[in-house]
Amino acid sequence: MVEDLSISAVEGAVEAVLSHDGPVIVDFDETLYLRNSTEDFIDAAAPGLLGRLVCAVVGVARPWALLGGQKTRDVWRVRIASLFPGAMRRWQRRAAELADTEVNREVAAVLQQRPDAIVATLGFDRVVRPLLENMGFGSQRLIACRMGSLRDRQAGKLALVRAALGQEAVSRSAVLTDSMDDADLLDASARPALVKWSEARFVPAHSGVYLPLEYTHRVKRPGLNFVQRSILGDDYMLWLVASIVIAAAPFPHVVGMLLLSLSFWTIYELGYVDNDRVGERFEAAPTLTAEYHDVPVATSVVQAWIWAVLLGVAGVAVVEQSFAPSFSSLLAWKAVLIATFGVYLLYNRVDKSTRIWLYALLQLARAAAFLVVVPVTAFGAMAIAAHALSRWFVYFIYRTIKRGWPMEISANIIRLVVFGLAAAPLAATVETDKAGLLTAGLIVVWFAFRSGPRLADIIFNAKFITSKPEL
């Protein structure tokens, strides 16, 4: 096993590789090169904002799921980045700068003393070669993936090295790498050297470019599919089911409401960022995810407001189907964003018992912000109130009982029940039109669907009391 054979001490590893009587294979990314060459190449796609947006779309579309599999993810990303005008020329210039500042001097010394050493990487030949040339190792043998090949990434590094050198040479080789992803290559070698370099770091492409909702997705609510499940699946869908029936044009309404939702959440996310930073600074035991410290995500108040305003203007224009949206709607939308941001800033700076009441306002903003632009039926208004109240009730229990977040209490079930209790008297006592009844039906179906297994458990676990329980 690698753990038994690897050399942990840096000095010992370097010395062992230098003195090895046989082929020497050196990893590239985060070994000879202290960063990730693939991410740095993708980062060169310019303009940066466009590159970031394209990468985000590709990440959501996941074309590798249909062709190539997860191992080929970077092949797709690199090929798309290479299509940006002037991408390869920019990379040549940037490679010169990075090669000077990000070369691992200790590993470079190995190549200087062992010119026969082979650089092997799952990075890409057209990306890695300019870095090697600027490091002074342009004549070094390089085994890398072809930029247009899915098979190279699918095969893996050991297969690439064996194809290039032969099985016998690999079995006599010394391998210097930082990654346990190379475990099979290390196991196949005569002298494996697994070393983690303290200066090495993984810097994701476009990590310095601000993009709305990235902080939410990668730091505040990582791994929970929060954007898809909560923002789009709950809040945005509530906006739609509460208003779509009386919309003048359904398709523009759907698009416009999505733009308004993104505008709102761009500002709401600023509250998340502020919440984490205030908590880190002033709270004794702040609730921060591990990603808060480990995942670099660009944030910017100024850029967030620019995004929010532009998305808001576009959203109002699409909803109103006008290239010149009404000034009153734009002003009202901006006022909602400012008010929401102000409440969140206040929420982050008061004690936790006071936060209970401000949280209700934040949930109302999440549920009802669009009302300043778009009308709803009476049942739509009740759904909005039920949505905000259900979220606040769960938070109230969390803050008052203080036993952790009450996962056994489903906000979706509460929302369905509260809506039913509020809507039933209205339906019974007021003559409602078809639009109102259709809205109510859509809301009940959607709320029940979102309640999912919890609702089914309640129904199927219900029992009649037919006998006295035994003591």
Protein backbone atom coordinates (compact mmCIF):
# COMPACT_ATOMS: atom_id res chain seq x y z
CA MET A 1 0.00 0.00 0.00
CA VAL A 2 1.07 3.59 -0.60
CA GLU A 3 0.83 4.44 3.09
CA ASP A 4 3.50 1.84 3.88
CA LEU A 5 5.89 2.74 1.11
CA SER A 6 5.60 6.50 0.77
CA ILE A 7 8.18 8.87 2.15
CA SER A 8 6.60 11.55 4.34
CA ALA A 9 9.58 13.85 4.92
CA VAL A 10 10.14 16.33 2.11
CA GLU A 11 13.91 16.17 2.34
CA GLY A 12 13.91 12.40 2.34
CA ALA A 13 11.51 12.22 -0.58
CA VAL A 14 13.55 14.57 -2.73
CA GLU A 15 16.79 12.80 -1.88
CA ALA A 16 15.32 9.38 -2.55
CA VAL A 17 13.99 10.43 -5.95
CA LEU A 18 17.30 12.05 -6.92
CA SER A 19 19.28 8.94 -6.02
CA HIS A 20 16.84 6.49 -7.58
CA ASP A 21 18.39 4.14 -10.13
CA GLY A 22 15.57 4.03 -12.63
CA PRO A 23 12.94 6.24 -14.26
CA VAL A 24 11.76 9.24 -12.25
CA ILE A 25 8.15 10.39 -12.68
CA VAL A 26 7.11 13.75 -11.25
CA ASP A 27 3.55 15.01 -10.88
CA PHE A 28 2.79 18.54 -12.10
CA ASP A 29 -0.22 20.21 -10.47
CA GLU A 30 0.41 21.12 -6.83
CA THR A 31 3.78 19.36 -7.01
CA LEU A 32 6.11 20.98 -9.56
CA TYR A 33 3.51 23.68 -10.10
CA LEU A 34 2.04 24.92 -6.84
CA ARG A 35 -1.42 25.56 -8.29
CA ASN A 36 -3.82 23.78 -10.60
CA SER A 37 -2.97 24.44 -14.24
CA THR A 38 -6.44 23.51 -15.49
CA GLU A 39 -8.18 26.00 -13.23
CA ASP A 40 -5.64 28.69 -14.10
CA PHE A 41 -6.19 28.16 -17.82
CA ILE A 42 -9.98 28.34 -17.46
CA ASP A 43 -9.48 31.47 -15.37
CA ALA A 44 -7.81 33.08 -18.38
CA ALA A 45 -11.11 33.00 -20.32
CA ALA A 46 -11.91 36.69 -20.75
CA PRO A 47 -13.78 38.81 -20.04
CA GLY A 48 -13.82 37.23 -16.59
CA LEU A 49 -17.51 37.78 -15.93
CA LEU A 50 -18.51 36.12 -19.19
CA GLY A 51 -16.12 33.26 -18.49
CA ARG A 52 -17.62 32.86 -15.02
CA LEU A 53 -21.16 32.85 -16.37
CA VAL A 54 -20.33 30.33 -19.08
CA CYS A 55 -18.62 28.06 -16.55
CA ALA A 56 -21.64 28.34 -14.26
CA VAL A 57 -23.99 27.36 -17.09
CA VAL A 58 -21.75 24.43 -18.04
CA GLY A 59 -21.65 23.36 -14.40
CA VAL A 60 -25.43 23.28 -14.26
CA ALA A 61 -25.84 21.64 -17.69
CA ARG A 62 -23.21 18.95 -16.89
CA PRO A 63 -22.62 17.77 -20.49
CA TRP A 64 -20.14 15.18 -19.21
CA ALA A 65 -23.05 13.33 -17.59
CA LEU A 66 -24.23 12.43 -21.10
CA LEU A 67 -20.85 11.98 -22.76
CA GLY A 68 -17.67 10.92 -21.02
CA GLY A 69 -18.65 10.78 -17.37
CA GLN A 70 -17.46 12.79 -14.36
CA LYS A 71 -13.78 12.08 -15.12
CA THR A 72 -14.06 14.14 -18.30
CA ARG A 73 -15.52 17.23 -16.60
CA ASP A 74 -12.32 19.22 -17.05
CA VAL A 75 -12.04 18.24 -20.70
CA TRP A 76 -15.35 19.97 -21.37
CA ARG A 77 -14.43 22.99 -19.28
CA VAL A 78 -11.00 23.45 -20.89
CA ARG A 79 -12.32 23.05 -24.43
CA ILE A 80 -15.04 25.63 -23.83
CA ALA A 81 -12.54 28.05 -22.26
CA SER A 82 -10.23 27.61 -25.26
CA LEU A 83 -13.02 28.83 -27.56
CA PHE A 84 -12.90 32.32 -26.04
CA PRO A 85 -11.24 34.75 -28.48
CA GLY A 86 -7.50 35.02 -27.83
CA ALA A 87 -7.60 32.42 -25.04
CA MET A 88 -4.39 30.64 -26.02
CA ARG A 89 -2.48 33.91 -26.52
CA ARG A 90 -3.56 35.14 -23.09
CA TRP A 91 -2.54 31.82 -21.60
CA GLN A 92 0.94 32.07 -23.10
CA ARG A 93 1.40 35.47 -21.43
CA ARG A 94 -0.07 34.37 -18.13
CA ALA A 95 1.95 31.15 -18.10
CA ALA A 96 5.13 33.23 -18.14
CA GLU A 97 4.05 35.06 -14.99
CA LEU A 98 2.75 32.01 -13.13
CA ALA A 99 5.76 29.85 -13.98
CA ASP A 100 8.01 32.35 -12.24
CA THR A 101 5.93 32.78 -9.07
CA GLU A 102 4.33 29.35 -8.65
CA VAL A 103 7.15 26.93 -9.40
CA ASN A 104 8.07 24.57 -6.56
CA ARG A 105 11.80 25.23 -6.19
CA GLU A 106 12.51 21.95 -4.42
CA VAL A 107 10.86 19.86 -7.12
CA ALA A 108 12.41 22.03 -9.82
CA ALA A 109 15.81 21.09 -8.36
CA VAL A 110 14.94 17.43 -8.97
CA LEU A 111 14.34 18.10 -12.66
CA GLN A 112 17.50 20.17 -12.95
CA GLN A 113 19.58 17.30 -11.55
CA ARG A 114 17.60 14.60 -13.31
CA PRO A 115 17.00 15.85 -16.88
CA ASP A 116 15.76 12.35 -17.70
CA ALA A 117 12.84 12.79 -15.29
CA ILE A 118 9.34 12.57 -16.76
CA VAL A 119 6.53 14.96 -15.91
CA ALA A 120 3.22 13.09 -15.80
CA THR A 121 -0.11 14.77 -15.25
CA LEU A 122 -3.84 14.53 -15.89
CA GLY A 123 -3.60 18.16 -16.91
CA PHE A 124 -3.59 19.07 -20.57
CA ASP A 125 -0.57 19.16 -22.87
CA ARG A 126 -1.35 22.56 -24.44
CA VAL A 127 -1.86 24.03 -20.98
CA VAL A 128 1.07 22.49 -19.14
CA ARG A 129 3.72 22.82 -21.87
CA PRO A 130 3.88 26.68 -21.76
CA LEU A 131 4.35 26.51 -18.00
CA LEU A 132 7.18 23.99 -18.33
CA GLU A 133 8.88 26.05 -21.01
CA ASN A 134 8.78 29.18 -18.88
CA MET A 135 10.14 27.21 -15.92
CA GLY A 136 13.12 26.24 -18.06
CA PHE A 137 12.02 22.64 -18.62
CA GLY A 138 10.81 22.88 -22.19
CA SER A 139 12.83 19.80 -23.20
CA GLN A 140 11.49 17.68 -20.36
CA ARG A 141 9.40 14.70 -21.41
CA LEU A 142 5.73 15.36 -20.71
CA ILE A 143 2.93 12.83 -20.40
CA ALA A 144 -0.38 14.68 -20.34
CA CYS A 145 -3.96 14.52 -21.59
CA ARG A 146 -4.81 15.77 -25.03
CA MET A 147 -7.13 18.74 -24.84
CA GLY A 148 -9.72 17.22 -27.14
CA SER A 149 -9.60 13.66 -25.83
CA LEU A 150 -12.17 12.19 -23.49
CA ARG A 151 -10.40 8.84 -23.44
CA ASP A 152 -7.21 10.16 -21.81
CA ARG A 153 -9.10 11.39 -18.75
CA GLN A 154 -11.22 8.25 -18.65
CA ALA A 155 -8.14 6.02 -18.74
CA GLY A 156 -6.35 7.78 -15.87
CA LYS A 157 -2.74 8.67 -15.20
CA LEU A 158 -1.43 5.14 -14.67
CA ALA A 159 -2.77 4.03 -18.06
CA LEU A 160 -1.26 7.08 -19.76
CA VAL A 161 2.15 6.47 -18.18
CA ARG A 162 2.10 2.76 -18.98
CA ALA A 163 1.17 3.49 -22.60
CA ALA A 164 4.06 5.95 -22.88
CA LEU A 165 6.78 4.12 -20.91
CA GLY A 166 5.72 0.50 -20.70
CA GLN A 167 4.83 -1.66 -17.71
CA GLU A 168 8.41 -2.63 -16.95
CA ALA A 169 9.63 0.98 -16.76
CA VAL A 170 6.78 1.94 -14.47
CA SER A 171 7.56 -0.93 -12.11
CA ARG A 172 11.18 0.34 -11.79
CA SER A 173 10.29 4.01 -11.38
CA ALA A 174 10.25 6.50 -8.53
CA VAL A 175 7.06 8.58 -8.40
CA LEU A 176 6.84 11.97 -6.67
CA THR A 177 3.31 13.28 -6.27
CA ASP A 178 1.06 15.10 -3.81
CA SER A 179 -2.21 13.32 -4.56
CA MET A 180 -3.81 10.12 -3.35
CA ASP A 181 -5.62 10.14 -6.69
CA ASP A 182 -2.32 8.72 -7.95
CA ALA A 183 -2.50 5.77 -5.55
CA ASP A 184 -2.53 3.19 -8.35
CA LEU A 185 0.55 4.73 -9.95
CA LEU A 186 2.31 4.88 -6.60
CA ASP A 187 1.47 1.25 -5.91
CA ALA A 188 2.78 0.23 -9.32
CA SER A 189 6.14 1.97 -8.82
CA ALA A 190 9.32 0.83 -7.09
CA ARG A 191 9.71 3.96 -4.96
CA PRO A 192 6.55 5.96 -4.25
CA ALA A 193 6.95 9.39 -2.68
CA LEU A 194 3.75 11.02 -1.52
CA VAL A 195 4.38 14.57 -0.32
CA LYS A 196 1.94 17.37 0.53
CA TRP A 197 3.60 20.71 -0.16
CA SER A 198 2.63 23.39 2.32
CA GLU A 199 2.83 26.14 -0.31
CA ALA A 200 0.53 24.36 -2.76
CA ARG A 201 -3.05 25.57 -3.05
CA PHE A 202 -6.07 24.92 -5.21
CA VAL A 203 -7.48 28.16 -6.63
CA PRO A 204 -10.76 27.63 -8.53
CA ALA A 205 -11.15 29.36 -11.87
CA HIS A 206 -12.74 32.81 -11.71
CA SER A 207 -12.72 32.74 -7.91
CA GLY A 208 -12.02 36.47 -7.97
CA VAL A 209 -15.08 37.23 -10.12
CA TYR A 210 -18.28 38.05 -8.27
CA LEU A 211 -21.41 36.12 -9.26
CA PRO A 212 -24.78 36.37 -7.51
CA LEU A 213 -25.79 33.37 -5.37
CA GLU A 214 -22.33 31.77 -5.49
CA TYR A 215 -21.73 32.58 -1.82
CA THR A 216 -25.07 31.03 -0.94
CA HIS A 217 -24.40 27.91 -2.99
CA ARG A 218 -20.77 27.32 -2.03
CA VAL A 219 -20.42 28.79 1.47
CA LYS A 220 -23.65 29.56 3.32
CA ARG A 221 -25.66 26.52 2.21
CA PRO A 222 -23.09 24.14 0.69
CA GLY A 223 -24.11 20.72 -0.48
CA LEU A 224 -27.80 21.24 0.22
CA ASN A 225 -28.93 22.21 -3.28
CA PHE A 226 -30.31 25.28 -1.55
CA VAL A 227 -30.61 27.36 -4.70
CA GLN A 228 -32.60 24.69 -6.54
CA ARG A 229 -34.58 23.39 -3.58
CA SER A 230 -35.35 26.46 -1.50
CA ILE A 231 -34.90 29.55 -3.68
CA LEU A 232 -36.29 28.16 -6.92
CA GLY A 233 -38.32 25.22 -5.64
CA ASP A 234 -39.99 27.09 -2.78
CA ASP A 235 -39.83 30.88 -2.93
CA TYR A 236 -39.86 31.35 -6.70
CA MET A 237 -42.52 28.69 -7.22
CA LEU A 238 -44.66 30.33 -4.55
CA TRP A 239 -44.41 33.61 -6.45
CA LEU A 240 -45.58 31.82 -9.58
CA VAL A 241 -48.50 29.79 -8.20
CA ALA A 242 -49.77 32.86 -6.34
CA SER A 243 -49.82 35.04 -9.46
CA ILE A 244 -49.67 33.05 -12.70
CA VAL A 245 -53.44 32.59 -13.10
CA ILE A 246 -54.09 36.33 -13.48
CA ALA A 247 -50.90 37.09 -15.43
CA ALA A 248 -51.49 38.83 -18.76
CA ALA A 249 -48.96 36.64 -20.57
CA PRO A 250 -47.82 33.45 -18.77
CA PHE A 251 -44.44 32.93 -20.45
CA PRO A 252 -43.11 36.49 -20.00
CA HIS A 253 -44.50 36.34 -16.47
CA VAL A 254 -42.46 33.22 -15.66
CA VAL A 255 -39.28 34.78 -17.05
CA GLY A 256 -39.85 38.16 -15.44
CA MET A 257 -40.56 36.63 -12.05
CA LEU A 258 -37.35 34.61 -12.29
CA LEU A 259 -35.39 37.79 -12.95
CA LEU A 260 -37.07 39.50 -10.00
CA SER A 261 -36.30 36.50 -7.80
CA LEU A 262 -32.63 36.63 -8.76
CA SER A 263 -32.61 40.38 -8.13
CA PHE A 264 -34.09 39.90 -4.67
CA TRP A 265 -31.78 37.05 -3.72
CA THR A 266 -28.71 38.97 -4.84
CA ILE A 267 -29.47 41.44 -2.03
CA TYR A 268 -30.67 38.81 0.43
CA GLU A 269 -27.34 37.05 -0.08
CA LEU A 270 -25.56 40.19 1.10
CA GLY A 271 -27.35 39.60 4.37
CA TYR A 272 -25.86 36.10 4.49
CA VAL A 273 -22.37 37.47 3.91
CA ASP A 274 -22.83 40.13 6.57
CA ASN A 275 -24.30 37.57 8.97
CA ASP A 276 -21.23 35.36 8.73
CA ARG A 277 -18.77 38.23 9.10
CA VAL A 278 -20.57 39.79 12.06
CA GLY A 279 -20.85 36.38 13.68
CA GLU A 280 -17.16 35.66 13.25
CA ARG A 281 -16.26 39.03 14.70
CA PHE A 282 -18.64 39.38 17.64
CA GLU A 283 -20.17 35.99 18.56
CA ALA A 284 -18.50 33.60 20.98
CA ALA A 285 -19.62 30.53 19.01
CA PRO A 286 -20.64 31.66 15.52
CA THR A 287 -22.40 29.21 13.24
CA LEU A 288 -20.06 29.12 10.27
CA THR A 289 -19.64 26.38 7.69
CA ALA A 290 -16.22 24.88 7.05
CA GLU A 291 -16.44 26.38 3.57
CA TYR A 292 -16.47 29.88 5.07
CA HIS A 293 -12.76 29.46 5.85
CA ASP A 294 -11.77 27.10 3.04
CA VAL A 295 -13.67 28.11 -0.11
CA PRO A 296 -12.63 31.40 -1.76
CA VAL A 297 -15.72 33.18 -3.08
CA ALA A 298 -15.69 36.77 -4.28
CA THR A 299 -18.21 39.09 -2.62
CA SER A 300 -18.93 42.73 -3.41
CA VAL A 301 -21.64 45.03 -2.08
CA VAL A 302 -21.29 47.41 -5.02
CA GLN A 303 -21.39 44.70 -7.67
CA ALA A 304 -24.29 42.98 -5.91
CA TRP A 305 -26.36 46.15 -6.06
CA ILE A 306 -25.49 46.65 -9.72
CA TRP A 307 -26.63 43.10 -10.48
CA ALA A 308 -29.77 43.51 -8.37
CA VAL A 309 -30.78 46.76 -10.06
CA LEU A 310 -30.15 45.46 -13.57
CA LEU A 311 -31.98 42.19 -12.89
CA GLY A 312 -34.82 44.11 -11.27
CA VAL A 313 -35.20 46.49 -14.22
CA ALA A 314 -35.15 43.55 -16.63
CA GLY A 315 -37.66 41.64 -14.49
CA VAL A 316 -40.13 44.52 -14.31
CA ALA A 317 -39.75 45.17 -18.04
CA VAL A 318 -40.47 41.53 -18.93
CA VAL A 319 -43.42 41.26 -16.54
CA GLU A 320 -44.92 44.48 -17.90
CA GLN A 321 -43.93 43.52 -21.47
CA SER A 322 -42.52 46.96 -22.00
CA PHE A 323 -39.12 48.30 -22.98
CA ALA A 324 -39.87 51.27 -20.71
CA PRO A 325 -41.10 49.79 -17.40
CA SER A 326 -43.10 52.06 -15.15
CA PHE A 327 -41.08 54.32 -12.88
CA SER A 328 -43.36 53.61 -9.92
CA SER A 329 -42.75 49.85 -10.19
CA LEU A 330 -39.00 50.31 -10.44
CA LEU A 331 -39.01 52.67 -7.47
CA ALA A 332 -41.14 50.29 -5.41
CA TRP A 333 -38.87 47.35 -6.24
CA LYS A 334 -35.76 49.29 -5.25
CA ALA A 335 -37.45 50.31 -1.99
CA VAL A 336 -38.19 46.64 -1.21
CA LEU A 337 -34.56 45.70 -1.82
CA ILE A 338 -33.28 48.54 0.38
CA ALA A 339 -35.74 47.69 3.15
CA THR A 340 -34.84 44.00 3.05
CA PHE A 341 -31.13 44.77 3.19
CA GLY A 342 -31.67 47.19 6.07
CA VAL A 343 -33.68 44.66 8.10
CA TYR A 344 -31.01 42.01 7.54
CA LEU A 345 -28.24 44.36 8.68
CA LEU A 346 -30.24 45.11 11.83
CA TYR A 347 -31.01 41.42 12.34
CA ASN A 348 -27.30 40.58 12.25
CA ARG A 349 -26.50 43.15 14.95
CA VAL A 350 -29.10 42.41 17.64
CA ASP A 351 -29.24 39.68 20.26
CA LYS A 352 -30.71 36.31 19.35
CA SER A 353 -33.96 36.73 21.26
CA THR A 354 -34.67 39.94 19.34
CA ARG A 355 -33.82 38.23 16.09
CA ILE A 356 -36.94 36.11 16.45
CA TRP A 357 -39.16 39.03 15.53
CA LEU A 358 -36.96 40.44 12.79
CA TYR A 359 -36.78 36.98 11.22
CA ALA A 360 -40.52 37.23 10.61
CA LEU A 361 -39.93 40.36 8.53
CA LEU A 362 -37.19 38.66 6.54
CA GLN A 363 -39.46 35.73 5.75
CA LEU A 364 -42.24 38.09 4.75
CA ALA A 365 -39.82 39.82 2.38
CA ARG A 366 -38.83 36.48 0.85
CA ALA A 367 -42.45 35.54 0.34
CA ALA A 368 -44.04 38.85 -0.60
CA ALA A 369 -41.41 41.14 -2.19
CA PHE A 370 -42.88 40.72 -5.65
CA LEU A 371 -46.27 42.14 -4.60
CA VAL A 372 -45.04 45.68 -5.24
CA VAL A 373 -44.84 44.78 -8.93
CA VAL A 374 -47.26 41.90 -9.53
CA PRO A 375 -50.87 41.48 -8.29
CA VAL A 376 -52.21 38.25 -6.78
CA THR A 377 -55.59 36.82 -5.92
CA ALA A 378 -56.85 36.65 -2.34
CA PHE A 379 -55.84 32.99 -2.15
CA GLY A 380 -52.39 33.94 -3.45
CA ALA A 381 -52.04 36.47 -0.64
CA MET A 382 -53.03 33.78 1.89
CA ALA A 383 -50.41 31.42 0.45
CA ILE A 384 -47.78 34.11 0.89
CA ALA A 385 -48.78 34.63 4.51
CA ALA A 386 -48.79 30.88 5.17
CA HIS A 387 -45.36 30.53 3.61
CA ALA A 388 -43.82 33.29 5.74
CA LEU A 389 -45.56 32.14 8.92
CA SER A 390 -44.45 28.51 8.52
CA ARG A 391 -40.81 29.52 8.12
CA TRP A 392 -40.99 31.87 11.09
CA PHE A 393 -42.70 29.29 13.31
CA VAL A 394 -39.92 26.74 12.82
CA TYR A 395 -37.33 29.42 13.60
CA PHE A 396 -39.31 30.47 16.69
CA ILE A 397 -39.20 26.89 17.99
CA TYR A 398 -35.47 26.72 17.23
CA ARG A 399 -34.70 29.89 19.16
CA THR A 400 -36.98 29.25 22.14
CA ILE A 401 -36.46 25.53 22.78
CA LYS A 402 -32.71 25.77 22.01
CA ARG A 403 -32.22 22.12 21.15
CA GLY A 404 -31.01 22.54 17.63
CA TRP A 405 -32.97 23.05 14.46
CA PRO A 406 -36.30 21.15 14.78
CA MET A 407 -35.95 18.90 11.75
CA GLU A 408 -38.95 16.82 12.87
CA ILE A 409 -41.17 19.85 12.31
CA SER A 410 -41.83 20.34 8.61
CA ALA A 411 -42.32 23.94 7.52
CA ASN A 412 -44.02 22.60 4.38
CA ILE A 413 -46.65 20.74 6.43
CA ILE A 414 -47.27 23.82 8.57
CA ARG A 415 -47.59 25.92 5.43
CA LEU A 416 -50.19 23.56 3.94
CA VAL A 417 -52.22 23.47 7.16
CA VAL A 418 -52.11 27.23 7.70
CA PHE A 419 -53.18 27.87 4.13
CA GLY A 420 -56.05 25.42 4.47
CA LEU A 421 -57.24 27.01 7.72
CA ALA A 422 -57.11 30.50 6.21
CA ALA A 423 -58.53 29.64 2.77
CA ALA A 424 -61.46 27.48 3.87
CA PRO A 425 -63.45 30.31 5.54
CA LEU A 426 -62.84 32.57 2.56
CA ALA A 427 -64.03 29.93 0.10
CA ALA A 428 -67.11 29.26 2.23
CA THR A 429 -68.21 32.83 2.85
CA VAL A 430 -67.09 34.83 -0.20
CA GLU A 431 -68.14 34.27 -3.78
CA THR A 432 -64.90 33.53 -5.58
CA ASP A 433 -64.23 33.69 -9.30
CA LYS A 434 -62.63 31.03 -11.44
CA ALA A 435 -59.20 32.67 -11.21
CA GLY A 436 -59.31 32.57 -7.42
CA LEU A 437 -60.42 28.93 -7.30
CA LEU A 438 -57.80 27.89 -9.85
CA THR A 439 -55.13 29.72 -7.84
CA ALA A 440 -56.27 27.95 -4.66
CA GLY A 441 -56.12 24.59 -6.42
CA LEU A 442 -52.62 25.21 -7.74
CA ILE A 443 -51.45 26.27 -4.29
CA VAL A 444 -52.89 23.20 -2.57
CA VAL A 445 -51.34 20.86 -5.16
CA TRP A 446 -47.96 22.54 -4.95
CA PHE A 447 -47.91 22.75 -1.15
CA ALA A 448 -48.93 19.09 -0.88
CA PHE A 449 -46.27 18.09 -3.39
CA ARG A 450 -43.60 19.98 -1.46
CA SER A 451 -44.74 18.34 1.77
CA GLY A 452 -43.81 15.05 0.12
CA PRO A 453 -42.97 12.04 2.34
CA ARG A 454 -43.79 13.94 5.55
CA LEU A 455 -47.41 14.34 4.47
CA ALA A 456 -47.58 10.69 3.44
CA ASP A 457 -46.16 9.62 6.82
CA ILE A 458 -48.80 11.61 8.67
CA ILE A 459 -51.60 10.08 6.60
CA PHE A 460 -50.45 6.46 6.63
CA ASN A 461 -49.27 6.47 10.25
CA ALA A 462 -52.59 7.71 11.56
CA LYS A 463 -54.34 5.05 13.69
CA PHE A 464 -57.70 4.58 15.35
CA ILE A 465 -57.63 3.98 19.10
CA THR A 466 -59.43 0.66 19.42
CA SER A 467 -58.17 -0.66 22.72
CA LYS A 468 -56.63 0.50 25.96
CA PRO A 469 -52.82 0.26 25.85
CA GLU A 470 -51.19 -2.25 28.17
CA LEU A 471 -49.31 -0.82 31.14
